[in-house]
Protein backbone atom coordinates (compact mmCIF):
# COMPACT_ATOMS: atom_id res chain seq x y z
CA UNK A 1 62.85 41.21 92.84
CA UNK A 2 61.98 43.69 95.64
CA UNK A 3 63.23 42.83 99.14
CA UNK A 4 61.10 43.81 102.09
CA UNK A 5 63.00 45.76 104.74
CA UNK A 6 63.37 43.78 107.96
CA UNK A 7 65.29 46.37 110.04
CA UNK A 8 63.06 48.78 111.94
CA UNK A 9 63.19 52.53 111.36
CA UNK A 10 64.68 54.83 113.96
CA UNK A 11 62.30 56.55 116.37
CA UNK A 12 63.36 60.05 117.39
CA UNK A 13 62.26 62.01 120.41
CA UNK A 14 61.48 65.71 119.99
CA UNK A 15 64.81 66.67 121.58
CA UNK A 16 66.74 64.27 119.35
CA UNK A 17 65.05 65.60 116.21
CA UNK A 18 65.77 69.21 117.20
CA UNK A 19 69.39 68.32 117.83
CA UNK A 20 69.77 66.61 114.44
CA UNK A 21 67.98 69.41 112.59
CA UNK A 22 70.26 72.01 114.19
CA UNK A 23 73.29 70.05 112.93
CA UNK A 24 71.86 69.90 109.41
CA UNK A 25 71.23 73.66 109.42
CA UNK A 26 74.62 74.48 110.91
CA UNK A 27 77.36 75.87 108.69
CA UNK A 28 80.15 74.76 110.98
CA UNK A 29 79.34 71.09 111.58
CA UNK A 30 81.80 68.46 110.31
CA UNK A 31 80.79 66.90 107.01
CA UNK A 32 80.60 63.36 108.40
CA UNK A 33 78.43 64.55 111.32
CA UNK A 34 76.19 66.46 108.91
CA UNK A 35 75.77 63.40 106.66
CA UNK A 36 74.96 61.08 109.57
CA UNK A 37 72.41 63.53 110.94
CA UNK A 38 70.63 63.69 107.56
CA UNK A 39 70.62 59.90 107.30
CA UNK A 40 69.05 59.54 110.74
CA UNK A 41 66.35 62.15 110.03
CA UNK A 42 65.37 60.60 106.71
CA UNK A 43 65.30 57.08 108.18
CA UNK A 44 63.10 58.29 111.04
CA UNK A 45 60.76 59.79 108.40
CA UNK A 46 60.39 56.34 106.81
CA UNK A 47 62.61 56.92 103.77
CA UNK A 48 64.10 53.70 102.38
CA UNK A 49 67.83 53.02 102.61
CA UNK A 50 68.14 52.96 98.80
CA UNK A 51 66.54 56.39 98.44
CA UNK A 52 68.69 57.78 101.27
CA UNK A 53 71.80 56.46 99.52
CA UNK A 54 70.78 58.08 96.22
CA UNK A 55 70.00 61.47 97.81
CA UNK A 56 73.19 61.43 99.86
CA UNK A 57 75.29 60.22 96.91
CA UNK A 58 76.58 57.28 98.95
CA UNK A 59 75.87 53.54 99.26
CA UNK A 60 73.40 51.41 101.22
CA UNK A 61 76.16 49.86 103.33
CA UNK A 62 77.14 53.22 104.79
CA UNK A 63 73.48 54.08 105.42
CA UNK A 64 72.89 50.81 107.29
CA UNK A 65 76.06 51.27 109.34
CA UNK A 66 74.74 54.61 110.66
CA UNK A 67 71.29 53.16 111.31
CA UNK A 68 72.69 50.07 113.09
CA UNK A 69 74.89 52.26 115.29
CA UNK A 70 71.90 54.42 116.25
CA UNK A 71 69.77 51.38 117.07
CA UNK A 72 72.53 49.74 119.11
CA UNK A 73 74.21 52.66 120.87
CA UNK A 74 71.83 55.61 120.59
CA UNK A 75 71.36 58.55 118.25
CA UNK A 76 74.06 60.74 119.82
CA UNK A 77 76.70 57.99 119.56
CA UNK A 78 75.80 57.39 115.92
CA UNK A 79 77.03 60.87 115.00
CA UNK A 80 80.62 60.14 116.04
CA UNK A 81 83.09 57.30 115.77
CA UNK A 82 83.02 54.59 118.40
CA UNK A 83 86.16 54.14 120.53
CA UNK A 84 88.77 51.71 119.32
CA UNK A 85 88.98 52.90 115.75
CA UNK A 86 92.27 53.80 114.11
CA UNK A 87 95.75 52.38 114.43
CA UNK A 88 96.91 51.26 117.86
CA UNK A 89 99.53 53.46 119.47
CA UNK A 90 103.06 52.33 118.68
CA UNK A 91 104.76 54.81 121.02
CA UNK A 92 103.90 53.96 124.61
CA UNK A 93 103.47 56.38 127.50
CA UNK A 94 107.01 55.89 128.84
CA UNK A 95 108.51 56.75 125.45
CA UNK A 96 106.27 59.82 125.11
CA UNK A 97 107.32 60.95 128.57
CA UNK A 98 110.97 60.63 127.52
CA UNK A 99 110.34 62.77 124.44
CA UNK A 100 108.55 65.49 126.43
CA UNK A 101 111.11 65.37 129.24
CA UNK A 102 113.94 65.79 126.73
CA UNK A 103 112.16 68.68 124.99
CA UNK A 104 111.72 70.42 128.35
CA UNK A 105 115.47 70.22 129.04
CA UNK A 106 117.81 72.77 127.44
CA UNK A 107 120.31 71.28 124.96
CA UNK A 108 123.15 73.00 126.83
CA UNK A 109 122.18 71.03 129.95
CA UNK A 110 122.57 67.79 127.98
CA UNK A 111 126.06 68.62 126.77
CA UNK A 112 125.12 70.21 123.45
CA UNK A 113 126.24 73.71 122.37
CA UNK A 114 122.76 75.00 121.42
CA UNK A 115 120.57 77.03 123.74
CA UNK A 116 117.26 75.99 122.13
CA UNK A 117 116.05 72.88 120.33
CA UNK A 118 115.05 72.74 116.71
CA UNK A 119 112.74 69.94 115.70
CA UNK A 120 115.52 68.28 113.73
CA UNK A 121 118.14 68.47 116.50
CA UNK A 122 115.64 67.22 119.09
CA UNK A 123 114.66 64.26 116.92
CA UNK A 124 118.30 63.37 116.29
CA UNK A 125 119.07 63.47 120.01
CA UNK A 126 116.08 61.25 120.80
CA UNK A 127 117.08 58.71 118.15
CA UNK A 128 120.62 58.47 119.55
CA UNK A 129 119.91 58.58 123.28
CA UNK A 130 116.50 57.02 123.91
CA UNK A 131 116.59 53.64 125.74
CA UNK A 132 116.31 50.69 123.35
CA UNK A 133 113.08 49.44 124.88
CA UNK A 134 111.34 52.65 123.76
CA UNK A 135 111.97 51.81 120.06
CA UNK A 136 112.56 55.45 119.10
CA UNK A 137 115.66 54.95 116.93
CA UNK A 138 113.63 55.57 113.74
CA UNK A 139 111.14 58.16 115.01
CA UNK A 140 110.37 60.90 112.46
CA UNK A 141 110.47 64.66 112.83
CA UNK A 142 106.73 64.82 112.23
CA UNK A 143 105.91 62.35 115.00
CA UNK A 144 108.01 64.26 117.52
CA UNK A 145 106.30 67.48 116.44
CA UNK A 146 102.81 65.96 116.85
CA UNK A 147 103.59 64.63 120.34
CA UNK A 148 104.88 68.01 121.48
CA UNK A 149 102.00 69.91 119.87
CA UNK A 150 99.42 67.79 121.71
CA UNK A 151 101.23 68.53 124.97
CA UNK A 152 101.51 72.26 124.13
CA UNK A 153 105.31 72.07 124.33
CA UNK A 154 107.25 74.42 122.02
CA UNK A 155 110.93 74.18 122.97
CA UNK A 156 112.03 76.35 120.01
CA UNK A 157 110.08 79.37 121.31
CA UNK A 158 110.92 81.94 123.98
CA UNK A 159 108.29 83.89 125.90
CA UNK A 160 109.39 86.50 128.40
CA UNK A 161 108.18 87.11 131.93
CA UNK A 162 109.03 89.67 134.59
CA UNK A 163 110.22 88.47 137.96
CA UNK A 164 108.90 90.44 140.92
CA UNK A 165 112.00 91.99 142.45
CA UNK A 166 110.32 94.72 144.49
CA UNK A 167 109.89 93.57 148.12
CA UNK A 168 107.06 96.09 148.47
CA UNK A 169 105.28 95.05 145.29
CA UNK A 170 101.98 94.11 146.96
CA UNK A 171 101.77 97.32 148.97
CA UNK A 172 102.58 99.58 146.01
CA UNK A 173 100.17 97.71 143.75
CA UNK A 174 97.42 98.08 146.35
CA UNK A 175 98.07 101.83 146.59
CA UNK A 176 97.81 102.25 142.81
CA UNK A 177 94.63 100.18 142.59
CA UNK A 178 93.06 102.13 145.44
CA UNK A 179 93.74 105.34 143.50
CA UNK A 180 92.00 103.82 140.46
CA UNK A 181 89.07 102.85 142.67
CA UNK A 182 88.87 106.41 143.99
CA UNK A 183 88.79 107.64 140.38
CA UNK A 184 85.86 105.34 139.66
CA UNK A 185 83.98 106.61 142.72
CA UNK A 186 84.59 110.23 141.75
CA UNK A 187 83.29 109.57 138.23
CA UNK A 188 80.23 107.59 139.35
CA UNK A 189 79.20 110.10 142.03
CA UNK A 190 80.34 113.15 140.05
CA UNK A 191 81.87 114.41 143.27
CA UNK A 192 83.37 117.88 142.91
CA UNK A 193 86.29 117.01 145.17
CA UNK A 194 89.21 119.42 144.87
CA UNK A 195 91.59 116.81 143.52
CA UNK A 196 93.27 115.87 140.27
CA UNK A 197 94.60 112.37 139.59
CA UNK A 198 97.10 111.88 136.78
CA UNK A 199 98.88 108.86 135.33
CA UNK A 200 102.34 109.96 134.15
CA UNK A 201 105.30 108.47 132.32
CA UNK A 202 107.94 109.26 129.71
CA UNK A 203 108.38 107.84 126.24
CA UNK A 204 112.03 108.55 125.41
CA UNK A 205 113.98 107.92 122.24
CA UNK A 206 111.32 108.73 119.64
CA UNK A 207 113.37 108.82 116.46
CA UNK A 208 113.06 111.73 114.05
CA UNK A 209 113.90 109.98 110.78
CA UNK A 210 113.44 111.50 107.34
CA UNK A 211 113.29 110.20 103.80
CA UNK A 212 116.13 110.72 101.33
CA UNK A 213 113.81 109.83 98.45
CA UNK A 214 110.08 110.64 98.60
CA UNK A 215 107.40 108.03 99.30
CA UNK A 216 105.20 106.87 96.43
CA UNK A 217 101.45 106.73 96.85
CA UNK A 218 99.52 103.49 96.20
CA UNK A 219 98.52 102.86 92.59
CA UNK A 220 97.31 100.02 90.36
CA UNK A 221 100.70 98.31 90.37
CA UNK A 222 101.53 98.77 94.07
CA UNK A 223 98.67 98.68 96.53
CA UNK A 224 100.71 100.02 99.44
CA UNK A 225 102.87 103.06 100.12
CA UNK A 226 106.29 102.53 98.51
CA UNK A 227 109.30 103.72 100.49
CA UNK A 228 113.01 103.64 99.81
CA UNK A 229 115.09 101.85 102.42
CA UNK A 230 117.52 104.75 102.85
CA UNK A 231 116.74 107.36 105.48
CA UNK A 232 118.42 110.13 107.47
CA UNK A 233 118.46 110.51 111.25
CA UNK A 234 117.64 113.90 112.78
CA UNK A 235 117.99 112.80 116.40
CA UNK A 236 115.44 111.80 119.01
CA UNK A 237 112.83 113.44 121.23
CA UNK A 238 111.16 112.39 124.48
CA UNK A 239 107.46 112.62 125.20
CA UNK A 240 106.56 113.41 128.82
CA UNK A 241 102.83 113.08 129.36
CA UNK A 242 100.22 112.70 132.05
CA UNK A 243 96.59 111.80 131.53
CA UNK A 244 93.90 113.11 133.85
CA UNK A 245 92.06 109.96 134.89
CA UNK A 246 88.82 111.82 135.61
CA UNK A 247 88.53 113.96 132.46
CA UNK A 248 90.82 112.12 130.03
CA UNK A 249 92.74 115.33 129.25
CA UNK A 250 96.42 114.77 128.37
CA UNK A 251 99.12 117.21 129.49
CA UNK A 252 102.17 116.68 127.22
CA UNK A 253 105.70 117.99 126.90
CA UNK A 254 108.05 117.07 124.05
CA UNK A 255 111.73 117.69 124.79
CA UNK A 256 115.13 116.80 123.38
CA UNK A 257 116.44 115.73 126.78
CA UNK A 258 115.05 113.53 129.50
CA UNK A 259 116.28 114.69 132.88
CA UNK A 260 115.07 116.09 136.21
CA UNK A 261 114.87 119.57 134.70
CA UNK A 262 112.41 118.46 131.99
CA UNK A 263 110.34 116.57 134.57
CA UNK A 264 110.20 119.66 136.80
CA UNK A 265 109.11 121.76 133.83
CA UNK A 266 106.27 119.31 133.26
CA UNK A 267 105.26 119.55 136.94
CA UNK A 268 105.16 123.33 136.57
CA UNK A 269 102.80 122.95 133.58
CA UNK A 270 100.53 120.78 135.71
CA UNK A 271 100.75 123.26 138.58
CA UNK A 272 99.56 126.05 136.28
CA UNK A 273 96.82 123.93 134.70
CA UNK A 274 94.92 123.17 137.93
CA UNK A 275 93.54 125.70 140.46
CA UNK A 276 95.70 126.39 143.50
CA UNK A 277 93.33 124.65 145.91
CA UNK A 278 93.61 121.29 144.08
CA UNK A 279 95.69 118.43 145.48
CA UNK A 280 97.37 116.71 142.52
CA UNK A 281 97.98 112.95 142.78
CA UNK A 282 100.46 111.60 140.23
CA UNK A 283 100.91 107.87 139.52
CA UNK A 284 104.42 107.29 138.16
CA UNK A 285 107.26 104.76 138.06
CA UNK A 286 110.51 104.60 140.00
CA UNK A 287 112.74 106.45 137.52
CA UNK A 288 115.59 108.29 139.24
CA UNK A 289 114.47 111.70 137.98
CA UNK A 290 111.20 111.32 139.91
CA UNK A 291 113.15 111.12 143.18
CA UNK A 292 116.18 113.31 142.43
CA UNK A 293 117.33 116.16 144.66
CA UNK A 294 116.17 118.71 142.08
CA UNK A 295 112.69 117.18 141.99
CA UNK A 296 112.45 116.99 145.77
CA UNK A 297 113.57 120.64 146.02
CA UNK A 298 110.79 121.73 143.66
CA UNK A 299 108.17 119.71 145.53
CA UNK A 300 109.32 121.33 148.77
CA UNK A 301 108.67 124.72 147.20
CA UNK A 302 105.04 123.65 146.59
CA UNK A 303 104.12 121.89 149.86
CA UNK A 304 100.94 119.76 149.91
CA UNK A 305 100.39 120.44 146.20
CA UNK A 306 101.60 117.12 144.76
CA UNK A 307 101.26 113.57 146.01
CA UNK A 308 103.29 110.86 144.25
CA UNK A 309 102.07 107.25 144.11
CA UNK A 310 104.83 104.99 142.79
CA UNK A 311 104.16 101.78 140.87
CA UNK A 312 106.15 98.68 141.87
CA UNK A 313 109.51 98.16 140.19
CA UNK A 314 109.12 96.53 136.74
CA UNK A 315 105.34 96.94 136.83
CA UNK A 316 104.72 99.60 134.20
CA UNK A 317 101.58 97.69 133.14
CA UNK A 318 99.91 99.18 136.24
CA UNK A 319 100.22 102.69 134.81
CA UNK A 320 97.30 103.68 132.59
CA UNK A 321 99.36 106.17 130.58
CA UNK A 322 101.10 103.18 128.98
CA UNK A 323 97.83 102.54 127.15
CA UNK A 324 98.07 105.94 125.51
CA UNK A 325 101.75 105.41 124.63
CA UNK A 326 100.81 102.13 122.98
CA UNK A 327 98.07 103.88 121.00
CA UNK A 328 100.31 106.68 119.75
CA UNK A 329 103.03 104.17 118.79
CA UNK A 330 100.60 102.05 116.78
CA UNK A 331 98.88 104.95 115.05
CA UNK A 332 100.52 108.38 114.78
CA UNK A 333 104.18 107.35 115.16
CA UNK A 334 103.99 104.21 113.00
CA UNK A 335 106.13 104.79 109.91
CA UNK A 336 106.41 108.53 110.52
CA UNK A 337 108.93 110.53 108.46
CA UNK A 338 109.94 114.13 109.29
CA UNK A 339 112.50 116.69 108.17
CA UNK A 340 113.57 117.76 111.67
CA UNK A 341 113.10 117.17 115.36
CA UNK A 342 111.04 120.35 115.53
CA UNK A 343 108.59 118.94 112.97
CA UNK A 344 108.28 115.70 114.95
CA UNK A 345 107.64 117.67 118.14
CA UNK A 346 104.93 119.79 116.48
CA UNK A 347 103.20 116.77 114.95
CA UNK A 348 103.10 114.93 118.30
CA UNK A 349 101.65 117.96 120.07
CA UNK A 350 99.13 118.48 117.26
CA UNK A 351 98.03 114.85 117.54
CA UNK A 352 97.52 115.22 121.31
CA UNK A 353 95.59 118.46 120.78
CA UNK A 354 93.18 116.54 118.54
CA UNK A 355 92.73 113.89 121.22
CA UNK A 356 92.08 116.53 123.86
CA UNK A 357 89.25 117.93 121.76
CA UNK A 358 87.39 114.64 122.40
CA UNK A 359 89.26 113.12 125.36
CA UNK A 360 89.00 109.41 126.10
CA UNK A 361 88.47 108.42 129.74
CA UNK A 362 90.38 105.24 130.51
CA UNK A 363 88.77 102.87 132.99
CA UNK A 364 90.83 100.39 135.00
CA UNK A 365 89.02 97.13 135.89
CA UNK A 366 91.64 94.46 136.52
CA UNK A 367 91.62 93.38 140.21
CA UNK A 368 90.17 96.71 141.31
CA UNK A 369 87.33 95.05 143.25
CA UNK A 370 89.72 92.65 145.01
CA UNK A 371 91.50 95.41 146.91
CA UNK A 372 90.49 95.63 150.59
CA UNK A 373 89.64 98.97 152.12
CA UNK A 374 91.72 100.80 154.67
CA UNK A 375 94.45 102.42 152.57
CA UNK A 376 94.21 106.20 152.39
CA UNK A 377 94.56 107.48 148.83
């Protein structure tokens, strides 16, 4: 016996149909949302509930539930679950606050010897010390983990920050950013101003380590380079480098020591590189060798030739040359093996020579447009 359908079919507006069709065509939509969208489209096209159930490999009850929800609450609400579904919360807000508050307190401050929580130790502490009315004496490790995850609390992790200890941080930062803004103006206008602007720093302690046994190339059995754990130390070298912020050219020096004398030798290289009429601005950090008596004596011998702009203390991120040091660490120096310090020095200089053949001009953007005018650079 065939039953005549009593329930009306869904009527879709053009916008609703486009929205449902986009969900059906999407490759990222949830499966339940995709299925409900197909059900609503087919019902709006006059397809019977039985045929929809067969094509969707489901049952008529599920089809009618989606249709009833659309007729009662709207098409958009039919795609999701109505509020009130699922188990009621057993852990109330006060108990959750106690869990989060405990996780945000160091164990040492609660009389425990540990510095950081583990999930197990935190759960055990909560079970033993939570007020009875919170009913947390049997809470599981997983529940504690879920509550903390939803609140983005990770008491077993440490992230580091740098406290601003320089009382002149704002002024020094403004000076550096004004120099970067001047660089941008010089590039954009192609002004032939008699000036050179360099970002300088040192990368000390580059280890010259060599293999005792040779590396093995990748093959069918081992897809990566195979290396024996044993190695020999040949000492360390320091890379002193400045990058011309207008041309991208890098002026390097690789030395075995890292003192005022090496820094002065680098300044002499820069002095010879640029014409005598150029004023050379150097952005650099507050290392003692940059302000030593030897350095000041050399600068006095070349009056009005160099201008130093110091970054704030503990603010090396303001110095563009750090970008190059990061690049060389992640590429050329990663996993390097050499037979001597001299080989390491030559390979570093060769790498920089290749870069200087096609120099990269670094462009600083962060906060550069926020700096007010009025500071002479």
